[in-house]
Amino acid sequence: MCLAVPLQVALIESESVVRCRVGEGDNFLSVSTQLLPDQPVVGDYLIIHAGFAMRKLDPQDAEETLKLMREMVAANEAAQ
Protein backbone atom coordinates (compact mmCIF):
# COMPACT_ATOMS: atom_id res chain seq x y z
CA MET A 1 0.00 0.00 0.00
CA CYS A 2 1.24 3.47 -0.85
CA LEU A 3 0.39 6.67 1.00
CA ALA A 4 0.73 9.77 -1.17
CA VAL A 5 1.59 12.96 0.68
CA PRO A 6 1.37 16.30 -1.16
CA LEU A 7 4.78 17.97 -1.48
CA GLN A 8 5.22 21.64 -2.33
CA VAL A 9 7.63 22.79 -5.03
CA ALA A 10 10.30 24.98 -3.44
CA LEU A 11 12.79 25.34 -6.32
CA ILE A 12 13.02 24.60 -10.03
CA GLU A 13 16.33 22.76 -10.45
CA SER A 14 16.11 22.17 -14.22
CA GLU A 15 13.61 21.69 -17.02
CA SER A 16 12.65 18.26 -15.67
CA VAL A 17 13.57 18.34 -11.97
CA VAL A 18 12.10 20.28 -9.07
CA ARG A 19 13.03 20.37 -5.39
CA CYS A 20 10.09 19.81 -3.05
CA ARG A 21 9.78 20.48 0.66
CA VAL A 22 8.92 17.40 2.71
CA GLY A 23 6.73 18.40 5.65
CA GLU A 24 7.38 21.61 7.50
CA GLY A 25 11.07 21.19 8.23
CA ASP A 26 14.25 21.48 6.23
CA ASN A 27 13.94 18.20 4.34
CA PHE A 28 13.78 18.35 0.56
CA LEU A 29 13.40 15.83 -2.24
CA SER A 30 14.50 16.22 -5.85
CA VAL A 31 11.65 15.05 -8.07
CA SER A 32 11.43 14.32 -11.79
CA THR A 33 8.63 16.17 -13.59
CA GLN A 34 9.00 14.22 -16.85
CA LEU A 35 5.59 12.56 -16.44
CA LEU A 36 3.67 15.83 -16.02
CA PRO A 37 1.97 17.44 -19.02
CA ASP A 38 3.23 20.90 -18.01
CA GLN A 39 6.06 22.17 -15.83
CA PRO A 40 5.09 23.05 -12.24
CA VAL A 41 6.00 26.38 -10.69
CA VAL A 42 7.27 27.23 -7.22
CA GLY A 43 4.39 26.85 -4.77
CA ASP A 44 2.57 24.09 -6.68
CA TYR A 45 1.69 20.91 -4.79
CA LEU A 46 2.55 17.57 -6.37
CA ILE A 47 1.81 13.91 -5.70
CA ILE A 48 5.10 11.98 -5.88
CA HIS A 49 5.69 8.27 -6.39
CA ALA A 50 9.13 6.66 -6.69
CA GLY A 51 10.79 10.03 -7.37
CA PHE A 52 8.37 11.08 -10.12
CA ALA A 53 5.67 13.74 -9.91
CA MET A 54 2.44 11.98 -10.90
CA ARG A 55 0.15 15.03 -10.92
CA LYS A 56 -0.42 18.53 -9.63
CA LEU A 57 -2.94 19.14 -6.88
CA ASP A 58 -5.30 22.01 -6.27
CA PRO A 59 -3.69 24.05 -3.45
CA GLN A 60 -6.85 23.94 -1.29
CA ASP A 61 -7.11 20.16 -1.67
CA ALA A 62 -3.43 19.76 -0.80
CA GLU A 63 -3.71 21.95 2.31
CA GLU A 64 -6.84 20.08 3.45
CA THR A 65 -5.10 16.72 2.96
CA LEU A 66 -2.07 17.90 4.96
CA LYS A 67 -4.33 19.26 7.72
CA LEU A 68 -6.14 15.92 8.00
CA MET A 69 -2.84 14.02 8.10
CA ARG A 70 -1.56 16.27 10.90
CA GLU A 71 -4.78 15.66 12.84
CA MET A 72 -4.41 11.88 12.42
CA VAL A 73 -0.83 12.02 13.69
CA ALA A 74 -1.86 14.13 16.68
CA ALA A 75 -4.74 11.77 17.51
CA ASN A 76 -2.42 8.77 17.28
CA GLU A 77 0.16 10.40 19.54
CA ALA A 78 -2.53 11.32 22.07
CA ALA A 79 -3.79 7.73 22.13
CA GLN A 80 -0.38 6.33 23.03
C-alpha atoms as a PDB file:
ATOM      1  CA  MET A   1       0.000   0.000   0.000  1.00  0.00           C
ATOM      2  CA  CYS A   2       1.239   3.471  -0.847  1.00  0.00           C
ATOM      3  CA  LEU A   3       0.390   6.670   1.003  1.00  0.00           C
ATOM      4  CA  ALA A   4       0.733   9.770  -1.168  1.00  0.00           C
ATOM      5  CA  VAL A   5       1.594  12.965   0.678  1.00  0.00           C
ATOM      6  CA  PRO A   6       1.374  16.296  -1.161  1.00  0.00           C
ATOM      7  CA  LEU A   7       4.775  17.972  -1.484  1.00  0.00           C
ATOM      8  CA  GLN A   8       5.216  21.642  -2.333  1.00  0.00           C
ATOM      9  CA  VAL A   9       7.630  22.791  -5.035  1.00  0.00           C
ATOM     10  CA  ALA A  10      10.303  24.979  -3.441  1.00  0.00           C
ATOM     11  CA  LEU A  11      12.786  25.336  -6.319  1.00  0.00           C
ATOM     12  CA  ILE A  12      13.016  24.597 -10.033  1.00  0.00           C
ATOM     13  CA  GLU A  13      16.332  22.755 -10.452  1.00  0.00           C
ATOM     14  CA  SER A  14      16.110  22.169 -14.216  1.00  0.00           C
ATOM     15  CA  GLU A  15      13.607  21.694 -17.016  1.00  0.00           C
ATOM     16  CA  SER A  16      12.646  18.264 -15.673  1.00  0.00           C
ATOM     17  CA  VAL A  17      13.568  18.336 -11.973  1.00  0.00           C
ATOM     18  CA  VAL A  18      12.102  20.284  -9.067  1.00  0.00           C
ATOM     19  CA  ARG A  19      13.030  20.375  -5.394  1.00  0.00           C
ATOM     20  CA  CYS A  20      10.087  19.811  -3.048  1.00  0.00           C
ATOM     21  CA  ARG A  21       9.778  20.481   0.662  1.00  0.00           C
ATOM     22  CA  VAL A  22       8.918  17.397   2.715  1.00  0.00           C
ATOM     23  CA  GLY A  23       6.732  18.396   5.652  1.00  0.00           C
ATOM     24  CA  GLU A  24       7.380  21.605   7.499  1.00  0.00           C
ATOM     25  CA  GLY A  25      11.074  21.194   8.232  1.00  0.00           C
ATOM     26  CA  ASP A  26      14.254  21.484   6.225  1.00  0.00           C
ATOM     27  CA  ASN A  27      13.945  18.199   4.342  1.00  0.00           C
ATOM     28  CA  PHE A  28      13.783  18.354   0.559  1.00  0.00           C
ATOM     29  CA  LEU A  29      13.396  15.830  -2.237  1.00  0.00           C
ATOM     30  CA  SER A  30      14.495  16.219  -5.852  1.00  0.00           C
ATOM     31  CA  VAL A  31      11.652  15.045  -8.074  1.00  0.00           C
ATOM     32  CA  SER A  32      11.425  14.318 -11.791  1.00  0.00           C
ATOM     33  CA  THR A  33       8.631  16.166 -13.587  1.00  0.00           C
ATOM     34  CA  GLN A  34       9.005  14.217 -16.853  1.00  0.00           C
ATOM     35  CA  LEU A  35       5.589  12.564 -16.440  1.00  0.00           C
ATOM     36  CA  LEU A  36       3.671  15.830 -16.019  1.00  0.00           C
ATOM     37  CA  PRO A  37       1.973  17.441 -19.021  1.00  0.00           C
ATOM     38  CA  ASP A  38       3.227  20.902 -18.005  1.00  0.00           C
ATOM     39  CA  GLN A  39       6.062  22.173 -15.832  1.00  0.00           C
ATOM     40  CA  PRO A  40       5.088  23.046 -12.240  1.00  0.00           C
ATOM     41  CA  VAL A  41       5.998  26.385 -10.689  1.00  0.00           C
ATOM     42  CA  VAL A  42       7.272  27.226  -7.218  1.00  0.00           C
ATOM     43  CA  GLY A  43       4.385  26.846  -4.768  1.00  0.00           C
ATOM     44  CA  ASP A  44       2.567  24.091  -6.677  1.00  0.00           C
ATOM     45  CA  TYR A  45       1.688  20.908  -4.793  1.00  0.00           C
ATOM     46  CA  LEU A  46       2.550  17.567  -6.369  1.00  0.00           C
ATOM     47  CA  ILE A  47       1.813  13.914  -5.702  1.00  0.00           C
ATOM     48  CA  ILE A  48       5.104  11.983  -5.882  1.00  0.00           C
ATOM     49  CA  HIS A  49       5.692   8.271  -6.391  1.00  0.00           C
ATOM     50  CA  ALA A  50       9.134   6.663  -6.685  1.00  0.00           C
ATOM     51  CA  GLY A  51      10.788  10.026  -7.371  1.00  0.00           C
ATOM     52  CA  PHE A  52       8.370  11.085 -10.119  1.00  0.00           C
ATOM     53  CA  ALA A  53       5.666  13.736  -9.912  1.00  0.00           C
ATOM     54  CA  MET A  54       2.443  11.981 -10.901  1.00  0.00           C
ATOM     55  CA  ARG A  55       0.149  15.025 -10.921  1.00  0.00           C
ATOM     56  CA  LYS A  56      -0.422  18.534  -9.626  1.00  0.00           C
ATOM     57  CA  LEU A  57      -2.940  19.144  -6.878  1.00  0.00           C
ATOM     58  CA  ASP A  58      -5.303  22.005  -6.271  1.00  0.00           C
ATOM     59  CA  PRO A  59      -3.687  24.047  -3.446  1.00  0.00           C
ATOM     60  CA  GLN A  60      -6.847  23.944  -1.292  1.00  0.00           C
ATOM     61  CA  ASP A  61      -7.108  20.165  -1.669  1.00  0.00           C
ATOM     62  CA  ALA A  62      -3.428  19.756  -0.797  1.00  0.00           C
ATOM     63  CA  GLU A  63      -3.714  21.953   2.307  1.00  0.00           C
ATOM     64  CA  GLU A  64      -6.838  20.078   3.453  1.00  0.00           C
ATOM     65  CA  THR A  65      -5.096  16.723   2.959  1.00  0.00           C
ATOM     66  CA  LEU A  66      -2.072  17.902   4.955  1.00  0.00           C
ATOM     67  CA  LYS A  67      -4.332  19.256   7.718  1.00  0.00           C
ATOM     68  CA  LEU A  68      -6.144  15.923   7.997  1.00  0.00           C
ATOM     69  CA  MET A  69      -2.843  14.020   8.097  1.00  0.00           C
ATOM     70  CA  ARG A  70      -1.562  16.273  10.901  1.00  0.00           C
ATOM     71  CA  GLU A  71      -4.784  15.665  12.845  1.00  0.00           C
ATOM     72  CA  MET A  72      -4.413  11.882  12.420  1.00  0.00           C
ATOM     73  CA  VAL A  73      -0.828  12.017  13.692  1.00  0.00           C
ATOM     74  CA  ALA A  74      -1.862  14.133  16.677  1.00  0.00           C
ATOM     75  CA  ALA A  75      -4.738  11.773  17.511  1.00  0.00           C
ATOM     76  CA  ASN A  76      -2.422   8.772  17.280  1.00  0.00           C
ATOM     77  CA  GLU A  77       0.158  10.401  19.542  1.00  0.00           C
ATOM     78  CA  ALA A  78      -2.526  11.323  22.070  1.00  0.00           C
ATOM     79  CA  ALA A  79      -3.789   7.727  22.130  1.00  0.00           C
ATOM     80  CA  GLN A  80      -0.378   6.328  23.028  1.00  0.00           C
END
